[in-house]
C-alpha atoms as a PDB file:
ATOM      1  CA  MET A   1      -9.479   6.053  -2.469  1.00  0.00           C
ATOM      2  CA  LYS A   2     -13.276   5.390  -2.428  1.00  0.00           C
ATOM      3  CA  CYS A   3     -13.865   2.106  -4.489  1.00  0.00           C
ATOM      4  CA  ILE A   4     -16.522  -0.211  -5.286  1.00  0.00           C
ATOM      5  CA  ILE A   5     -17.148  -3.858  -5.959  1.00  0.00           C
ATOM      6  CA  ILE A   6     -18.976  -5.102  -9.284  1.00  0.00           C
ATOM      7  CA  ASP A   7     -19.105  -9.079  -9.574  1.00  0.00           C
ATOM      8  CA  ASP A   8     -22.093 -11.632  -9.729  1.00  0.00           C
ATOM      9  CA  GLU A   9     -20.552 -13.965  -7.600  1.00  0.00           C
ATOM     10  CA  PRO A  10     -21.252 -13.267  -3.744  1.00  0.00           C
ATOM     11  CA  LEU A  11     -18.649 -15.000  -2.395  1.00  0.00           C
ATOM     12  CA  ALA A  12     -16.291 -13.503  -4.668  1.00  0.00           C
ATOM     13  CA  VAL A  13     -17.535  -9.805  -3.463  1.00  0.00           C
ATOM     14  CA  ASP A  14     -17.059 -11.329   0.227  1.00  0.00           C
ATOM     15  CA  LEU A  15     -13.683 -11.849  -0.348  1.00  0.00           C
ATOM     16  CA  LEU A  16     -13.058  -8.585  -1.874  1.00  0.00           C
ATOM     17  CA  LYS A  17     -14.618  -6.857   0.505  1.00  0.00           C
ATOM     18  CA  ASP A  18     -12.592  -8.695   3.364  1.00  0.00           C
ATOM     19  CA  PHE A  19      -9.356  -7.683   1.454  1.00  0.00           C
ATOM     20  CA  VAL A  20     -10.424  -3.918   1.108  1.00  0.00           C
ATOM     21  CA  SER A  21     -11.121  -3.959   4.777  1.00  0.00           C
ATOM     22  CA  LYS A  22      -7.411  -4.963   5.669  1.00  0.00           C
ATOM     23  CA  ILE A  23      -6.120  -1.786   3.501  1.00  0.00           C
ATOM     24  CA  ASP A  24      -6.317   1.898   5.368  1.00  0.00           C
ATOM     25  CA  SER A  25      -6.272   3.688   1.900  1.00  0.00           C
ATOM     26  CA  LEU A  26      -8.852   2.152   0.467  1.00  0.00           C
ATOM     27  CA  GLU A  27     -12.959   3.218   1.267  1.00  0.00           C
ATOM     28  CA  LEU A  28     -15.426   0.791  -0.127  1.00  0.00           C
ATOM     29  CA  VAL A  29     -18.418   2.751  -1.324  1.00  0.00           C
ATOM     30  CA  ASN A  30     -20.756  -0.026  -2.287  1.00  0.00           C
ATOM     31  CA  THR A  31     -21.086  -3.695  -3.738  1.00  0.00           C
ATOM     32  CA  PHE A  32     -22.761  -4.620  -6.909  1.00  0.00           C
ATOM     33  CA  ASN A  33     -23.700  -8.129  -8.126  1.00  0.00           C
ATOM     34  CA  ASN A  34     -24.718  -6.577 -11.621  1.00  0.00           C
ATOM     35  CA  ALA A  35     -22.779  -3.972 -13.561  1.00  0.00           C
ATOM     36  CA  ILE A  36     -26.366  -2.307 -14.719  1.00  0.00           C
ATOM     37  CA  ASP A  37     -26.973  -1.401 -11.323  1.00  0.00           C
ATOM     38  CA  ALA A  38     -23.830   0.036 -10.700  1.00  0.00           C
ATOM     39  CA  ILE A  39     -24.191   2.523 -14.087  1.00  0.00           C
ATOM     40  CA  SER A  40     -26.417   4.922 -12.490  1.00  0.00           C
ATOM     41  CA  VAL A  41     -24.028   5.068  -9.317  1.00  0.00           C
ATOM     42  CA  ILE A  42     -20.561   5.483 -10.967  1.00  0.00           C
ATOM     43  CA  ASN A  43     -21.920   8.556 -12.834  1.00  0.00           C
ATOM     44  CA  LYS A  44     -23.422  10.187  -9.630  1.00  0.00           C
ATOM     45  CA  THR A  45     -21.189   9.129  -6.591  1.00  0.00           C
ATOM     46  CA  GLU A  46     -17.486   9.887  -6.662  1.00  0.00           C
ATOM     47  CA  VAL A  47     -15.356   6.924  -6.902  1.00  0.00           C
ATOM     48  CA  ASP A  48     -11.615   6.644  -7.633  1.00  0.00           C
ATOM     49  CA  LEU A  49     -11.289   2.952  -8.153  1.00  0.00           C
ATOM     50  CA  ILE A  50     -13.399  -0.214  -9.362  1.00  0.00           C
ATOM     51  CA  PHE A  51     -13.071  -3.806  -8.804  1.00  0.00           C
ATOM     52  CA  LEU A  52     -14.525  -5.383 -11.844  1.00  0.00           C
ATOM     53  CA  ASP A  53     -15.556  -8.747 -12.706  1.00  0.00           C
ATOM     54  CA  ILE A  54     -15.815  -9.406 -16.629  1.00  0.00           C
ATOM     55  CA  GLU A  55     -18.070 -12.367 -17.133  1.00  0.00           C
ATOM     56  CA  MET A  56     -21.520 -11.589 -15.971  1.00  0.00           C
ATOM     57  CA  PRO A  57     -24.683 -12.156 -17.200  1.00  0.00           C
ATOM     58  CA  HIS A  58     -26.625  -9.942 -19.942  1.00  0.00           C
ATOM     59  CA  PHE A  59     -23.691  -7.213 -19.352  1.00  0.00           C
ATOM     60  CA  SER A  60     -20.349  -7.602 -18.921  1.00  0.00           C
ATOM     61  CA  GLY A  61     -17.515  -5.892 -17.385  1.00  0.00           C
ATOM     62  CA  ILE A  62     -16.275  -4.654 -20.754  1.00  0.00           C
ATOM     63  CA  ASP A  63     -20.141  -3.398 -21.539  1.00  0.00           C
ATOM     64  CA  PHE A  64     -19.980  -1.605 -18.165  1.00  0.00           C
ATOM     65  CA  ILE A  65     -16.711   0.367 -19.252  1.00  0.00           C
ATOM     66  CA  LYS A  66     -18.205   1.338 -22.354  1.00  0.00           C
ATOM     67  CA  ALA A  67     -21.322   2.765 -20.755  1.00  0.00           C
ATOM     68  CA  ILE A  68     -20.164   4.965 -18.006  1.00  0.00           C
ATOM     69  CA  ASP A  69     -19.130   8.506 -18.431  1.00  0.00           C
ATOM     70  CA  LYS A  70     -16.552   8.770 -15.637  1.00  0.00           C
ATOM     71  CA  LYS A  71     -13.359   6.518 -16.010  1.00  0.00           C
ATOM     72  CA  PRO A  72     -11.831   5.799 -12.552  1.00  0.00           C
ATOM     73  CA  LEU A  73      -9.015   3.331 -12.012  1.00  0.00           C
ATOM     74  CA  ILE A  74      -9.871  -0.150 -13.044  1.00  0.00           C
ATOM     75  CA  ILE A  75      -8.881  -3.604 -11.631  1.00  0.00           C
ATOM     76  CA  PHE A  76     -10.421  -6.331 -13.295  1.00  0.00           C
ATOM     77  CA  THR A  77     -11.422  -9.388 -11.312  1.00  0.00           C
ATOM     78  CA  THR A  78     -11.976 -12.584 -13.462  1.00  0.00           C
ATOM     79  CA  ALA A  79     -11.665 -16.188 -13.686  1.00  0.00           C
ATOM     80  CA  TYR A  80     -10.682 -16.123 -17.049  1.00  0.00           C
ATOM     81  CA  SER A  81      -7.138 -15.121 -18.585  1.00  0.00           C
ATOM     82  CA  ASN A  82      -8.225 -14.754 -22.520  1.00  0.00           C
ATOM     83  CA  TYR A  83      -9.386 -11.427 -21.555  1.00  0.00           C
ATOM     84  CA  ALA A  84      -6.328  -9.796 -20.254  1.00  0.00           C
ATOM     85  CA  VAL A  85      -5.303  -8.088 -23.756  1.00  0.00           C
ATOM     86  CA  GLU A  86      -8.657  -6.693 -24.023  1.00  0.00           C
ATOM     87  CA  GLY A  87      -8.667  -5.519 -20.221  1.00  0.00           C
ATOM     88  CA  PHE A  88      -5.547  -3.689 -20.834  1.00  0.00           C
ATOM     89  CA  ASP A  89      -6.732  -1.797 -23.931  1.00  0.00           C
ATOM     90  CA  PHE A  90      -8.950  -0.327 -21.548  1.00  0.00           C
ATOM     91  CA  GLY A  91      -6.584   0.860 -19.595  1.00  0.00           C
ATOM     92  CA  ALA A  92      -7.111  -1.407 -16.696  1.00  0.00           C
ATOM     93  CA  VAL A  93      -4.313  -0.721 -13.824  1.00  0.00           C
ATOM     94  CA  ASP A  94      -4.412  -4.751 -13.327  1.00  0.00           C
ATOM     95  CA  TYR A  95      -5.839  -7.882 -13.927  1.00  0.00           C
ATOM     96  CA  LEU A  96      -6.560 -10.683 -11.172  1.00  0.00           C
ATOM     97  CA  ILE A  97      -7.011 -14.026 -11.717  1.00  0.00           C
ATOM     98  CA  LYS A  98      -9.381 -15.804  -9.718  1.00  0.00           C
ATOM     99  CA  PRO A  99      -9.071 -17.346  -6.679  1.00  0.00           C
ATOM    100  CA  ILE A 100      -7.376 -13.976  -5.812  1.00  0.00           C
ATOM    101  CA  PRO A 101      -4.429 -14.156  -2.924  1.00  0.00           C
ATOM    102  CA  PHE A 102      -4.145 -11.430  -0.688  1.00  0.00           C
ATOM    103  CA  ASN A 103      -0.535 -10.254  -1.855  1.00  0.00           C
ATOM    104  CA  ARG A 104      -1.475 -10.348  -5.488  1.00  0.00           C
ATOM    105  CA  PHE A 105      -4.700  -8.163  -4.285  1.00  0.00           C
ATOM    106  CA  LEU A 106      -2.430  -5.612  -2.354  1.00  0.00           C
ATOM    107  CA  LYS A 107       0.275  -5.572  -5.164  1.00  0.00           C
ATOM    108  CA  ALA A 108      -2.630  -4.141  -7.686  1.00  0.00           C
ATOM    109  CA  VAL A 109      -4.008  -1.664  -4.903  1.00  0.00           C
ATOM    110  CA  VAL A 110      -0.377  -0.291  -4.698  1.00  0.00           C
ATOM    111  CA  ARG A 111      -0.172   0.157  -8.700  1.00  0.00           C
ATOM    112  CA  ALA A 112      -3.456   1.844  -8.442  1.00  0.00           C
ATOM    113  CA  GLU A 113      -2.344   4.288  -5.505  1.00  0.00           C
ATOM    114  CA  HIS A 114       0.709   5.020  -7.396  1.00  0.00           C
ATOM    115  CA  VAL A 115      -1.267   6.134 -10.546  1.00  0.00           C
ATOM    116  CA  PHE A 116      -3.991   7.574  -8.420  1.00  0.00           C
ATOM    117  CA  SER A 117      -1.017   9.691  -6.557  1.00  0.00           C
ATOM    118  CA  PRO A 118       2.447   9.270  -7.657  1.00  0.00           C
ATOM    119  CA  ILE A 119       3.908   8.124  -4.274  1.00  0.00           C
ATOM    120  CA  ASP A 120       7.587   9.292  -3.115  1.00  0.00           C
ATOM    121  CA  VAL A 121       9.528  10.756  -0.436  1.00  0.00           C
ATOM    122  CA  VAL A 122       9.297  14.133  -0.533  1.00  0.00           C
ATOM    123  CA  PRO A 123      11.823  16.507   0.669  1.00  0.00           C
ATOM    124  CA  ALA A 124      10.897  18.830   3.562  1.00  0.00           C
ATOM    125  CA  ALA A 125      10.384  22.239   2.385  1.00  0.00           C
ATOM    126  CA  ILE A 126      12.873  24.325   4.621  1.00  0.00           C
ATOM    127  CA  PRO A 127      15.003  27.153   4.185  1.00  0.00           C
ATOM    128  CA  ALA A 128      18.497  26.258   3.931  1.00  0.00           C
ATOM    129  CA  THR A 129      19.718  28.425   6.689  1.00  0.00           C
ATOM    130  CA  ILE A 130      17.837  26.475   9.380  1.00  0.00           C
ATOM    131  CA  ALA A 131      18.326  23.342   7.676  1.00  0.00           C
ATOM    132  CA  GLU A 132      20.510  21.744  10.191  1.00  0.00           C
ATOM    133  CA  GLU A 133      18.289  22.738  12.987  1.00  0.00           C
ATOM    134  CA  THR A 134      15.251  21.501  11.742  1.00  0.00           C
ATOM    135  CA  ASN A 135      16.475  18.234   9.822  1.00  0.00           C
ATOM    136  CA  ASN A 136      14.335  15.805  12.218  1.00  0.00           C
ATOM    137  CA  PHE A 137      11.763  14.937   9.918  1.00  0.00           C
ATOM    138  CA  MET A 138      10.808  13.894   6.659  1.00  0.00           C
ATOM    139  CA  PHE A 139       7.374  13.968   4.193  1.00  0.00           C
ATOM    140  CA  VAL A 140       5.925  10.730   2.780  1.00  0.00           C
ATOM    141  CA  ARG A 141       3.648  11.039   0.122  1.00  0.00           C
ATOM    142  CA  ALA A 142       0.772   8.842   1.110  1.00  0.00           C
ATOM    143  CA  GLU A 143      -2.899   8.841  -0.115  1.00  0.00           C
ATOM    144  CA  TYR A 144      -3.779  12.421  -0.770  1.00  0.00           C
ATOM    145  CA  GLU A 145      -1.054  14.306   1.161  1.00  0.00           C
ATOM    146  CA  ASN A 146       2.671  14.751   2.039  1.00  0.00           C
ATOM    147  CA  VAL A 147       2.858  13.237   5.846  1.00  0.00           C
ATOM    148  CA  LYS A 148       5.124  14.882   7.959  1.00  0.00           C
ATOM    149  CA  ILE A 149       6.916  12.026  10.052  1.00  0.00           C
ATOM    150  CA  ASN A 150       9.292  12.956  12.898  1.00  0.00           C
ATOM    151  CA  TYR A 151      12.116  10.530  13.002  1.00  0.00           C
ATOM    152  CA  SER A 152      11.968  10.198  16.609  1.00  0.00           C
ATOM    153  CA  ASP A 153       8.313   8.950  16.190  1.00  0.00           C
ATOM    154  CA  ILE A 154       8.904   5.967  13.957  1.00  0.00           C
ATOM    155  CA  LEU A 155       9.117   2.792  15.620  1.00  0.00           C
ATOM    156  CA  PHE A 156      10.433   0.777  12.523  1.00  0.00           C
ATOM    157  CA  VAL A 157      10.022  -0.022   8.965  1.00  0.00           C
ATOM    158  CA  GLU A 158       8.688  -3.003   7.538  1.00  0.00           C
ATOM    159  CA  GLY A 159       9.336  -3.853   3.479  1.00  0.00           C
ATOM    160  CA  LEU A 160       6.783  -5.381   1.691  1.00  0.00           C
ATOM    161  CA  LYS A 161       8.193  -5.647  -2.060  1.00  0.00           C
ATOM    162  CA  ASP A 162       7.653  -2.219  -3.579  1.00  0.00           C
ATOM    163  CA  TYR A 163       5.986  -0.500  -0.851  1.00  0.00           C
ATOM    164  CA  VAL A 164       6.961   0.506   2.836  1.00  0.00           C
ATOM    165  CA  LYS A 165       5.085   0.271   6.012  1.00  0.00           C
ATOM    166  CA  ILE A 166       6.227   3.030   8.467  1.00  0.00           C
ATOM    167  CA  TYR A 167       4.901   2.216  12.150  1.00  0.00           C
ATOM    168  CA  THR A 168       4.732   5.279  14.499  1.00  0.00           C
ATOM    169  CA  THR A 169       4.611   5.405  18.095  1.00  0.00           C
ATOM    170  CA  ASP A 170       0.917   6.414  17.878  1.00  0.00           C
ATOM    171  CA  GLY A 171       0.167   2.644  17.083  1.00  0.00           C
ATOM    172  CA  LYS A 172      -0.526   3.610  13.269  1.00  0.00           C
ATOM    173  CA  TYR A 173       1.449   2.986  10.042  1.00  0.00           C
ATOM    174  CA  VAL A 174       2.056   4.860   7.105  1.00  0.00           C
ATOM    175  CA  LEU A 175       1.900   3.134   3.302  1.00  0.00           C
ATOM    176  CA  THR A 176       3.937   4.227   0.874  1.00  0.00           C
ATOM    177  CA  LEU A 177       5.380   3.022  -2.742  1.00  0.00           C
ATOM    178  CA  MET A 178       9.553   3.175  -2.203  1.00  0.00           C
ATOM    179  CA  SER A 179      11.983   0.609  -2.070  1.00  0.00           C
ATOM    180  CA  LEU A 180      13.298  -0.081   1.666  1.00  0.00           C
ATOM    181  CA  ILE A 181      17.030   0.336   0.438  1.00  0.00           C
ATOM    182  CA  LYS A 182      15.999   3.752  -0.590  1.00  0.00           C
ATOM    183  CA  LEU A 183      14.418   4.458   2.715  1.00  0.00           C
ATOM    184  CA  GLU A 184      17.355   2.615   4.669  1.00  0.00           C
ATOM    185  CA  ASN A 185      19.757   5.256   2.991  1.00  0.00           C
ATOM    186  CA  ALA A 186      17.926   8.228   4.410  1.00  0.00           C
ATOM    187  CA  LEU A 187      17.569   6.982   7.944  1.00  0.00           C
ATOM    188  CA  SER A 188      20.980   5.193   8.025  1.00  0.00           C
ATOM    189  CA  SER A 189      22.521   8.124   9.769  1.00  0.00           C
ATOM    190  CA  LYS A 190      19.325   8.976  11.903  1.00  0.00           C
ATOM    191  CA  GLY A 191      19.932   6.196  14.468  1.00  0.00           C
ATOM    192  CA  PHE A 192      18.362   3.444  12.528  1.00  0.00           C
ATOM    193  CA  SER A 193      19.873   0.225  11.669  1.00  0.00           C
ATOM    194  CA  ARG A 194      18.800  -2.770   9.367  1.00  0.00           C
ATOM    195  CA  ILE A 195      18.100  -6.048  10.891  1.00  0.00           C
ATOM    196  CA  HIS A 196      16.824  -7.986   8.245  1.00  0.00           C
ATOM    197  CA  ARG A 197      15.740  -7.992   4.246  1.00  0.00           C
ATOM    198  CA  SER A 198      12.443  -7.064   6.020  1.00  0.00           C
ATOM    199  CA  TYR A 199      13.121  -4.450   8.723  1.00  0.00           C
ATOM    200  CA  ILE A 200      14.769  -1.222   9.913  1.00  0.00           C
ATOM    201  CA  ILE A 201      14.347  -0.607  13.534  1.00  0.00           C
ATOM    202  CA  ASN A 202      14.613   2.535  15.147  1.00  0.00           C
ATOM    203  CA  LEU A 203      17.543   2.286  17.869  1.00  0.00           C
ATOM    204  CA  GLU A 204      15.919   4.274  20.708  1.00  0.00           C
ATOM    205  CA  HIS A 205      12.939   2.309  20.676  1.00  0.00           C
ATOM    206  CA  ILE A 206      14.370  -0.936  21.175  1.00  0.00           C
ATOM    207  CA  LYS A 207      13.113  -2.658  24.526  1.00  0.00           C
ATOM    208  CA  SER A 208      15.004  -5.824  24.286  1.00  0.00           C
ATOM    209  CA  ILE A 209      17.610  -8.122  22.426  1.00  0.00           C
ATOM    210  CA  GLN A 210      16.195 -11.913  22.733  1.00  0.00           C
ATOM    211  CA  LYS A 211      18.563 -14.613  20.987  1.00  0.00           C
ATOM    212  CA  ASN A 212      17.769 -13.530  17.181  1.00  0.00           C
ATOM    213  CA  LYS A 213      14.608 -11.270  17.829  1.00  0.00           C
ATOM    214  CA  VAL A 214      14.334  -7.171  18.853  1.00  0.00           C
ATOM    215  CA  ILE A 215      11.548  -6.456  20.823  1.00  0.00           C
ATOM    216  CA  ILE A 216       9.812  -3.034  19.904  1.00  0.00           C
ATOM    217  CA  ALA A 217       6.783  -1.883  21.150  1.00  0.00           C
ATOM    218  CA  ASP A 218       4.653  -5.265  20.953  1.00  0.00           C
ATOM    219  CA  ARG A 219       6.445  -6.707  18.021  1.00  0.00           C
ATOM    220  CA  ARG A 220       9.331  -9.262  17.951  1.00  0.00           C
ATOM    221  CA  LEU A 221      11.009  -8.616  14.630  1.00  0.00           C
ATOM    222  CA  PRO A 222      13.740 -11.102  13.503  1.00  0.00           C
ATOM    223  CA  ILE A 223      17.408 -10.305  13.030  1.00  0.00           C
ATOM    224  CA  SER A 224      19.147 -12.337  10.381  1.00  0.00           C
ATOM    225  CA  GLU A 225      22.683 -13.380  10.127  1.00  0.00           C
ATOM    226  CA  SER A 226      23.523 -11.284   7.477  1.00  0.00           C
ATOM    227  CA  TYR A 227      22.666  -8.058   9.318  1.00  0.00           C
ATOM    228  CA  LYS A 228      23.271  -9.296  12.753  1.00  0.00           C
ATOM    229  CA  VAL A 229      27.192  -8.270  12.563  1.00  0.00           C
ATOM    230  CA  PRO A 230      26.653  -4.550  11.681  1.00  0.00           C
ATOM    231  CA  PHE A 231      23.753  -4.209  13.882  1.00  0.00           C
ATOM    232  CA  PHE A 232      25.328  -5.633  16.924  1.00  0.00           C
ATOM    233  CA  ASN A 233      28.587  -3.246  16.465  1.00  0.00           C
ATOM    234  CA  LYS A 234      25.994  -0.266  15.950  1.00  0.00           C
ATOM    235  CA  ILE A 235      24.846  -1.078  19.423  1.00  0.00           C
ATOM    236  CA  HIS A 236      28.051  -2.003  21.031  1.00  0.00           C
ATOM    237  CA  LEU A 237      27.128  -5.374  21.452  1.00  0.00           C
END
C-alpha cells in the first residue's frame, strides 16, 4: 500500500517513518507537517493509506478529510482519545494514541491491509484429475496478489496475533492475515510440525536440535514444553 504521513510533530513523523520502513507491504510516498500542503498531493497522487494526526494548527485532520476528493484508508495518530468516535464516523480503519508502540501500529496496518485487499488462503486452481500430482503448493493472498508458495520452500511459519509470516528459502517472508491454527491444519500432513505457540517448522529444513531449540537456516526457534512430546514423536527422538 502506498502511504503518506501527515503530522505537525517532527518526532512523530520520524517514528512513523521508521515503523513504515519495517513493513514490506507499505511504500512511503511522502510526509507532511501540515494537512494543507497534503491536499493537492492527495488529489493528484495514488495513495492507499494515510497516517493522519488530528490536532494540527489552522487545519485539522478532520478538516483535511472533508477537503479531499479521494478517500484513501485513514489511520488516525493522535495524542487525544476524545476524537475517537468522530474519527470512526469518518470511516477510519484505526485510531492510534500517542506514544504509539510498534505492535499496535502493526495491528492497525494489518487491519488496513485486510480492508484494502482481503487476505486469506486461496485454494490452488487445478483440475481435479491432477490434484494429487500437483498438491505440493498453496496460494496465499498478500498485498495485491495471490502468491504461490511451494511447501518445500517454506522454512518455518511465525504467528503474530492476527497474521502469520511465512519464511521461505529465498531469505524472504510473506505476510498474510490468517490464524496459525488454520495454517497448521493445512500443513500438518505436509511434513510440518508445531513446536511452539508461535512457530510451525518444516521438518526437512531442520539443521540440528539443541536442548529446547530447533536450528533452521540462521534462526534458533524455541520448543515449548506443551509441544515437545508430539514434536519429538514425529521425528522419532
